[in-house]
């Protein structure tokens, strides 16, 4: 699991305790993609590299993508009207 410089700043901005970051990492490490995507294009498959996804963690939208080294969290945004 890697975290971009921007995402690190986002985590720090929204939650100085680090709990949000830990929770996001734990959830993404479980590969929350739909089952058909996991079967069709596993993380290790080069066809999955560069694919972008998002997951809601509490009141935040955590964006991540698949790279050859695994998952990369790219940004974190606050969800509106939550």
N, C-alpha and C. Protein backbone atom coordinates (compact mmCIF):
# COMPACT_ATOMS: atom_id res chain seq x y z
N UNK A 1 0.86 -1.18 0.00
CA UNK A 1 0.00 0.00 0.00
C UNK A 1 0.89 1.23 0.00
N UNK A 2 0.60 2.11 -0.94
CA UNK A 2 1.31 3.38 -0.99
C UNK A 2 0.29 4.51 -0.86
N UNK A 3 0.77 5.65 -0.42
CA UNK A 3 -0.08 6.83 -0.27
C UNK A 3 0.63 8.00 -0.93
N UNK A 4 -0.07 8.68 -1.84
CA UNK A 4 0.53 9.82 -2.52
C UNK A 4 0.74 10.97 -1.55
N UNK A 5 1.59 11.90 -1.94
CA UNK A 5 1.85 13.09 -1.12
C UNK A 5 0.55 13.87 -0.88
N UNK A 6 -0.27 13.97 -1.94
CA UNK A 6 -1.54 14.70 -1.82
C UNK A 6 -2.47 14.01 -0.83
N UNK A 7 -2.55 12.68 -0.91
CA UNK A 7 -3.43 11.94 -0.01
C UNK A 7 -2.94 12.04 1.43
N UNK A 8 -1.63 12.01 1.64
CA UNK A 8 -1.10 12.17 3.00
C UNK A 8 -1.53 13.50 3.59
N UNK A 9 -1.45 14.56 2.77
CA UNK A 9 -1.88 15.88 3.22
C UNK A 9 -3.38 15.90 3.49
N UNK A 10 -4.15 15.23 2.63
CA UNK A 10 -5.60 15.16 2.83
C UNK A 10 -5.93 14.46 4.14
N UNK A 11 -5.30 13.32 4.40
CA UNK A 11 -5.55 12.60 5.65
C UNK A 11 -5.24 13.48 6.85
N UNK A 12 -4.11 14.15 6.80
CA UNK A 12 -3.70 15.02 7.91
C UNK A 12 -4.69 16.16 8.10
N UNK A 13 -5.18 16.71 7.01
CA UNK A 13 -6.13 17.83 7.06
C UNK A 13 -7.46 17.40 7.70
N UNK A 14 -7.93 16.21 7.34
CA UNK A 14 -9.24 15.76 7.81
C UNK A 14 -9.20 15.04 9.16
N UNK A 15 -8.05 14.43 9.50
CA UNK A 15 -8.00 13.64 10.73
C UNK A 15 -6.56 13.53 11.21
N UNK A 16 -6.19 14.41 12.11
CA UNK A 16 -4.81 14.45 12.62
C UNK A 16 -4.45 13.21 13.43
N UNK A 17 -5.45 12.49 13.93
CA UNK A 17 -5.17 11.31 14.77
C UNK A 17 -4.62 10.14 13.97
N UNK A 18 -4.88 10.12 12.66
CA UNK A 18 -4.41 9.02 11.82
C UNK A 18 -5.38 7.86 11.71
N UNK A 19 -6.51 7.94 12.42
CA UNK A 19 -7.48 6.85 12.39
C UNK A 19 -8.11 6.67 11.00
N UNK A 20 -8.43 7.76 10.34
CA UNK A 20 -9.03 7.70 9.01
C UNK A 20 -8.08 7.00 8.04
N UNK A 21 -6.82 7.36 8.08
CA UNK A 21 -5.83 6.73 7.20
C UNK A 21 -5.72 5.23 7.47
N UNK A 22 -5.66 4.85 8.72
CA UNK A 22 -5.56 3.43 9.09
C UNK A 22 -6.79 2.66 8.61
N UNK A 23 -7.97 3.26 8.78
CA UNK A 23 -9.20 2.61 8.36
C UNK A 23 -9.26 2.46 6.85
N UNK A 24 -8.86 3.50 6.13
CA UNK A 24 -8.87 3.45 4.67
C UNK A 24 -7.91 2.37 4.17
N UNK A 25 -6.73 2.31 4.73
CA UNK A 25 -5.75 1.30 4.33
C UNK A 25 -6.30 -0.10 4.59
N UNK A 26 -6.88 -0.31 5.75
CA UNK A 26 -7.42 -1.63 6.09
C UNK A 26 -8.51 -2.04 5.11
N UNK A 27 -9.36 -1.11 4.73
CA UNK A 27 -10.46 -1.42 3.81
C UNK A 27 -9.94 -1.69 2.40
N UNK A 28 -9.04 -0.89 1.92
CA UNK A 28 -8.54 -1.04 0.56
C UNK A 28 -7.69 -2.31 0.44
N UNK A 29 -6.96 -2.67 1.48
CA UNK A 29 -6.17 -3.91 1.44
C UNK A 29 -7.06 -5.13 1.26
N UNK A 30 -8.33 -5.03 1.60
CA UNK A 30 -9.28 -6.13 1.39
C UNK A 30 -9.77 -6.18 -0.06
N UNK A 31 -9.35 -5.23 -0.88
CA UNK A 31 -9.75 -5.13 -2.29
C UNK A 31 -11.27 -5.06 -2.43
N UNK A 32 -11.84 -3.87 -2.17
CA UNK A 32 -13.29 -3.73 -2.16
C UNK A 32 -13.95 -3.67 -3.54
N UNK A 33 -13.20 -3.98 -4.59
CA UNK A 33 -13.81 -3.98 -5.92
C UNK A 33 -14.88 -5.07 -6.00
N UNK A 34 -15.84 -4.89 -6.93
CA UNK A 34 -16.85 -5.94 -7.11
C UNK A 34 -16.19 -7.27 -7.46
N UNK A 35 -16.82 -8.36 -7.05
CA UNK A 35 -16.25 -9.70 -7.24
C UNK A 35 -15.96 -10.00 -8.71
N UNK A 36 -16.84 -9.58 -9.62
CA UNK A 36 -16.60 -9.88 -11.03
C UNK A 36 -15.33 -9.21 -11.53
N UNK A 37 -15.00 -8.02 -11.01
CA UNK A 37 -13.77 -7.34 -11.42
C UNK A 37 -12.55 -8.06 -10.84
N UNK A 38 -12.66 -8.53 -9.62
CA UNK A 38 -11.55 -9.25 -9.00
C UNK A 38 -11.24 -10.53 -9.79
N UNK A 39 -12.30 -11.21 -10.24
CA UNK A 39 -12.10 -12.44 -11.01
C UNK A 39 -11.57 -12.15 -12.41
N UNK A 40 -12.17 -11.16 -13.05
CA UNK A 40 -11.83 -10.85 -14.45
C UNK A 40 -10.44 -10.22 -14.57
N UNK A 41 -10.13 -9.28 -13.68
CA UNK A 41 -8.84 -8.57 -13.74
C UNK A 41 -8.24 -8.51 -12.33
N UNK A 42 -7.51 -9.53 -11.94
CA UNK A 42 -6.87 -9.51 -10.61
C UNK A 42 -5.87 -8.37 -10.48
N UNK A 43 -5.56 -7.99 -9.28
CA UNK A 43 -4.63 -6.90 -9.01
C UNK A 43 -3.28 -7.14 -9.70
N UNK A 44 -2.85 -8.39 -9.73
CA UNK A 44 -1.54 -8.72 -10.30
C UNK A 44 -1.51 -8.64 -11.83
N UNK A 45 -2.68 -8.62 -12.48
CA UNK A 45 -2.77 -8.58 -13.93
C UNK A 45 -2.38 -7.19 -14.43
N UNK A 46 -1.53 -7.12 -15.42
CA UNK A 46 -1.10 -5.81 -15.95
C UNK A 46 -2.27 -5.00 -16.50
N UNK A 47 -3.36 -5.65 -16.88
CA UNK A 47 -4.54 -4.93 -17.37
C UNK A 47 -5.19 -4.10 -16.26
N UNK A 48 -4.93 -4.43 -15.02
CA UNK A 48 -5.53 -3.68 -13.91
C UNK A 48 -4.74 -2.43 -13.57
N UNK A 49 -3.49 -2.35 -14.00
CA UNK A 49 -2.65 -1.20 -13.66
C UNK A 49 -3.24 0.09 -14.20
N UNK A 50 -3.33 1.09 -13.35
CA UNK A 50 -3.85 2.39 -13.75
C UNK A 50 -5.35 2.54 -13.54
N UNK A 51 -6.03 1.46 -13.24
CA UNK A 51 -7.48 1.56 -13.00
C UNK A 51 -7.73 2.31 -11.70
N UNK A 52 -8.71 3.21 -11.74
CA UNK A 52 -8.99 4.08 -10.60
C UNK A 52 -10.32 3.71 -9.97
N UNK A 53 -10.36 3.81 -8.64
CA UNK A 53 -11.54 3.47 -7.87
C UNK A 53 -11.72 4.45 -6.73
N UNK A 54 -12.85 4.37 -6.08
CA UNK A 54 -13.12 5.18 -4.90
C UNK A 54 -13.93 4.37 -3.91
N UNK A 55 -13.76 4.69 -2.65
CA UNK A 55 -14.51 4.01 -1.60
C UNK A 55 -14.87 5.04 -0.53
N UNK A 56 -16.08 4.94 -0.03
CA UNK A 56 -16.51 5.83 1.06
C UNK A 56 -16.03 5.26 2.39
N UNK A 57 -15.32 6.09 3.13
CA UNK A 57 -14.87 5.72 4.46
C UNK A 57 -15.38 6.82 5.40
N UNK A 58 -16.33 6.44 6.24
CA UNK A 58 -17.02 7.40 7.10
C UNK A 58 -17.61 8.50 6.22
N UNK A 59 -17.20 9.74 6.38
CA UNK A 59 -17.76 10.81 5.55
C UNK A 59 -16.76 11.32 4.52
N UNK A 60 -15.89 10.40 4.05
CA UNK A 60 -14.84 10.77 3.10
C UNK A 60 -14.84 9.84 1.90
N UNK A 61 -14.48 10.38 0.76
CA UNK A 61 -14.34 9.62 -0.48
C UNK A 61 -12.84 9.41 -0.69
N UNK A 62 -12.40 8.18 -0.56
CA UNK A 62 -10.98 7.86 -0.69
C UNK A 62 -10.75 7.29 -2.09
N UNK A 63 -9.94 7.99 -2.88
CA UNK A 63 -9.64 7.57 -4.25
C UNK A 63 -8.35 6.76 -4.25
N UNK A 64 -8.35 5.69 -5.02
CA UNK A 64 -7.14 4.87 -5.12
C UNK A 64 -7.05 4.27 -6.51
N UNK A 65 -5.87 3.79 -6.84
CA UNK A 65 -5.68 3.13 -8.12
C UNK A 65 -4.76 1.93 -7.93
N UNK A 66 -4.78 1.07 -8.94
CA UNK A 66 -3.94 -0.12 -8.90
C UNK A 66 -2.68 0.15 -9.70
N UNK A 67 -1.56 -0.17 -9.10
CA UNK A 67 -0.27 -0.04 -9.77
C UNK A 67 0.46 -1.38 -9.71
N UNK A 68 1.57 -1.47 -10.38
CA UNK A 68 2.32 -2.73 -10.37
C UNK A 68 2.75 -3.12 -8.97
N UNK A 69 2.93 -2.14 -8.11
CA UNK A 69 3.36 -2.40 -6.73
C UNK A 69 2.18 -2.64 -5.79
N UNK A 70 0.96 -2.57 -6.29
CA UNK A 70 -0.24 -2.77 -5.46
C UNK A 70 -1.14 -1.55 -5.52
N UNK A 71 -1.78 -1.23 -4.42
CA UNK A 71 -2.71 -0.11 -4.37
C UNK A 71 -1.99 1.19 -4.00
N UNK A 72 -2.47 2.28 -4.60
CA UNK A 72 -1.97 3.62 -4.30
C UNK A 72 -3.16 4.50 -3.97
N UNK A 73 -3.21 5.02 -2.75
CA UNK A 73 -4.25 5.99 -2.38
C UNK A 73 -3.81 7.33 -2.95
N UNK A 74 -4.66 7.93 -3.78
CA UNK A 74 -4.27 9.14 -4.49
C UNK A 74 -4.82 10.42 -3.88
N UNK A 75 -6.06 10.40 -3.39
CA UNK A 75 -6.68 11.61 -2.81
C UNK A 75 -7.75 11.22 -1.83
N UNK A 76 -8.13 12.17 -0.99
CA UNK A 76 -9.22 12.00 -0.04
C UNK A 76 -10.06 13.27 -0.09
N UNK A 77 -11.36 13.11 -0.28
CA UNK A 77 -12.27 14.24 -0.35
C UNK A 77 -13.37 14.06 0.68
N UNK A 78 -13.82 15.18 1.21
CA UNK A 78 -14.94 15.14 2.15
C UNK A 78 -16.23 15.01 1.34
N UNK A 79 -17.07 14.06 1.73
CA UNK A 79 -18.35 13.91 1.07
C UNK A 79 -19.28 15.04 1.51
N UNK A 80 -20.05 15.55 0.59
CA UNK A 80 -20.97 16.63 0.91
C UNK A 80 -22.32 16.07 1.33
N UNK A 81 -23.01 16.81 2.17
CA UNK A 81 -24.36 16.46 2.63
C UNK A 81 -24.42 15.11 3.34
N UNK A 82 -23.43 14.84 4.14
CA UNK A 82 -23.44 13.57 4.89
C UNK A 82 -23.93 13.81 6.28
